[in-house]
Amino acid sequence: MTYDELIKELCDVIKESESNSIAIYDNLESINSIIINSSIHSHEIEKVSKLVSTSFGMLQHQDLHRQKIEKIVNYVSQTNNIDISDYNIAPSAKNIGKNDSEDMVSNDELEALIQSMGK
């Protein structure tokens, strides 16, 4: 697999992930609105609200993984002089003021991940 093919496949994953995330978010917002405006007992509303809240948290965690994939795409493109403008993806997200965050992916981690893909 060439780097161009790898980038294309990862970009397809990113786009699908973004589309799915938007649909999931919209559905959860609708569910939350229906529950709040319904005549269900308050303890049942609280249970459903907690499930919706947990789902939003999982969605946010999934988005962190998508951002890591974007970082890999941008890193591979940059180090191999690949023009990613055709793929229509955003520049890598940056954590501001959290250099020690576990959500950061170091260049060494990126290189190790890329090398493991080639095996």
Protein backbone atom coordinates (compact mmCIF):
# COMPACT_ATOMS: atom_id res chain seq x y z
CA MET A 1 0.00 0.00 0.00
CA THR A 2 1.40 3.38 -0.96
CA TYR A 3 1.23 6.41 1.30
CA ASP A 4 -1.26 8.02 -1.09
CA GLU A 5 -3.54 4.97 -0.80
CA LEU A 6 -3.12 4.97 2.98
CA ILE A 7 -4.02 8.65 3.17
CA LYS A 8 -7.09 8.15 0.98
CA GLU A 9 -8.36 5.28 3.14
CA LEU A 10 -7.77 7.17 6.38
CA CYS A 11 -9.52 10.25 4.95
CA ASP A 12 -12.51 8.08 4.03
CA VAL A 13 -12.62 6.84 7.65
CA ILE A 14 -12.42 10.43 8.92
CA LYS A 15 -15.27 11.60 6.68
CA GLU A 16 -17.50 8.64 7.60
CA SER A 17 -16.72 9.17 11.28
CA GLU A 18 -17.65 12.86 11.04
CA SER A 19 -20.94 12.06 9.28
CA ASN A 20 -21.84 9.38 11.82
CA SER A 21 -20.93 11.65 14.72
CA ILE A 22 -23.21 14.42 13.45
CA ALA A 23 -26.11 11.99 13.01
CA ILE A 24 -25.58 10.47 16.46
CA TYR A 25 -25.35 13.90 18.07
CA ASP A 26 -28.55 15.07 16.36
CA ASN A 27 -30.38 11.89 17.40
CA LEU A 28 -29.27 12.23 21.01
CA GLU A 29 -30.35 15.88 21.07
CA SER A 30 -33.78 14.85 19.74
CA ILE A 31 -34.11 12.08 22.31
CA ASN A 32 -33.13 14.45 25.08
CA SER A 33 -35.72 17.04 23.93
CA ILE A 34 -38.47 14.42 23.69
CA ILE A 35 -37.71 13.09 27.16
CA ILE A 36 -37.59 16.53 28.77
CA ASN A 37 -40.91 17.52 27.17
CA SER A 38 -42.70 14.27 27.98
CA SER A 39 -44.84 13.26 30.92
CA ILE A 40 -42.58 10.43 32.03
CA HIS A 41 -41.85 10.11 35.75
CA SER A 42 -38.89 12.20 36.87
CA HIS A 43 -36.80 9.17 37.94
CA GLU A 44 -37.22 7.68 34.45
CA ILE A 45 -36.27 11.01 32.86
CA GLU A 46 -33.16 11.05 35.03
CA LYS A 47 -32.20 7.52 33.91
CA VAL A 48 -32.60 8.38 30.22
CA SER A 49 -30.80 11.70 30.67
CA LYS A 50 -27.85 9.87 32.22
CA LEU A 51 -27.77 7.45 29.28
CA VAL A 52 -27.84 10.35 26.82
CA SER A 53 -25.10 12.12 28.76
CA THR A 54 -22.97 8.96 28.76
CA SER A 55 -23.52 8.62 25.02
CA PHE A 56 -22.35 12.20 24.47
CA GLY A 57 -19.20 11.36 26.45
CA MET A 58 -18.56 8.30 24.29
CA LEU A 59 -19.11 10.41 21.19
CA GLN A 60 -16.53 12.90 22.43
CA HIS A 61 -14.07 10.04 23.06
CA GLN A 62 -14.65 8.77 19.51
CA ASP A 63 -13.93 12.27 18.22
CA LEU A 64 -10.55 12.20 19.97
CA HIS A 65 -9.72 9.05 17.99
CA ARG A 66 -10.76 10.77 14.76
CA GLN A 67 -8.45 13.66 15.62
CA LYS A 68 -5.58 11.22 16.16
CA ILE A 69 -6.22 9.76 12.71
CA GLU A 70 -6.15 13.31 11.27
CA LYS A 71 -2.79 13.88 12.96
CA ILE A 72 -1.44 10.71 11.37
CA VAL A 73 -2.74 11.75 7.93
CA ASN A 74 -1.20 15.19 8.27
CA TYR A 75 2.09 13.80 9.56
CA VAL A 76 2.41 11.18 6.81
CA SER A 77 1.47 13.75 4.18
CA GLN A 78 3.95 16.28 5.46
CA THR A 79 6.85 13.85 5.80
CA ASN A 80 6.22 12.35 2.35
CA ASN A 81 5.44 15.59 0.48
CA ILE A 82 1.85 14.53 -0.29
CA ASP A 83 -0.61 17.30 -1.12
CA ILE A 84 -3.68 16.61 1.02
CA SER A 85 -5.71 19.51 -0.33
CA ASP A 86 -7.58 17.01 -2.55
CA TYR A 87 -8.78 15.12 0.55
CA ASN A 88 -10.55 18.08 2.17
CA ILE A 89 -9.59 17.42 5.78
CA ALA A 90 -8.89 19.91 8.52
CA PRO A 91 -5.42 20.57 9.88
CA SER A 92 -4.60 18.55 12.97
CA ALA A 93 -6.25 19.67 16.17
CA LYS A 94 -3.92 21.02 18.81
CA ASN A 95 -4.25 20.87 22.57
CA ILE A 96 -3.57 24.33 23.95
CA GLY A 97 -1.63 24.45 27.21
CA LYS A 98 -1.77 20.71 27.78
CA ASN A 99 1.51 19.41 26.43
CA ASP A 100 1.45 16.62 29.00
CA SER A 101 -2.06 15.52 28.03
CA GLU A 102 -2.59 11.85 27.26
CA ASP A 103 -4.53 12.98 24.17
CA MET A 104 -1.33 14.24 22.57
CA VAL A 105 0.33 11.98 20.04
CA SER A 106 4.08 12.40 19.90
CA ASN A 107 6.08 12.18 16.68
CA ASP A 108 7.66 8.97 17.99
CA GLU A 109 4.19 7.44 18.53
CA LEU A 110 3.18 8.49 15.01
CA GLU A 111 6.28 6.97 13.47
CA ALA A 112 5.79 3.72 15.40
CA LEU A 113 2.15 3.53 14.31
CA ILE A 114 3.05 4.18 10.68
CA GLN A 115 5.79 1.55 10.77
CA SER A 116 3.40 -0.99 12.29
CA MET A 117 0.95 -0.36 9.40
CA GLY A 118 3.61 -1.33 6.89
CA LYS A 119 4.05 -4.80 8.39
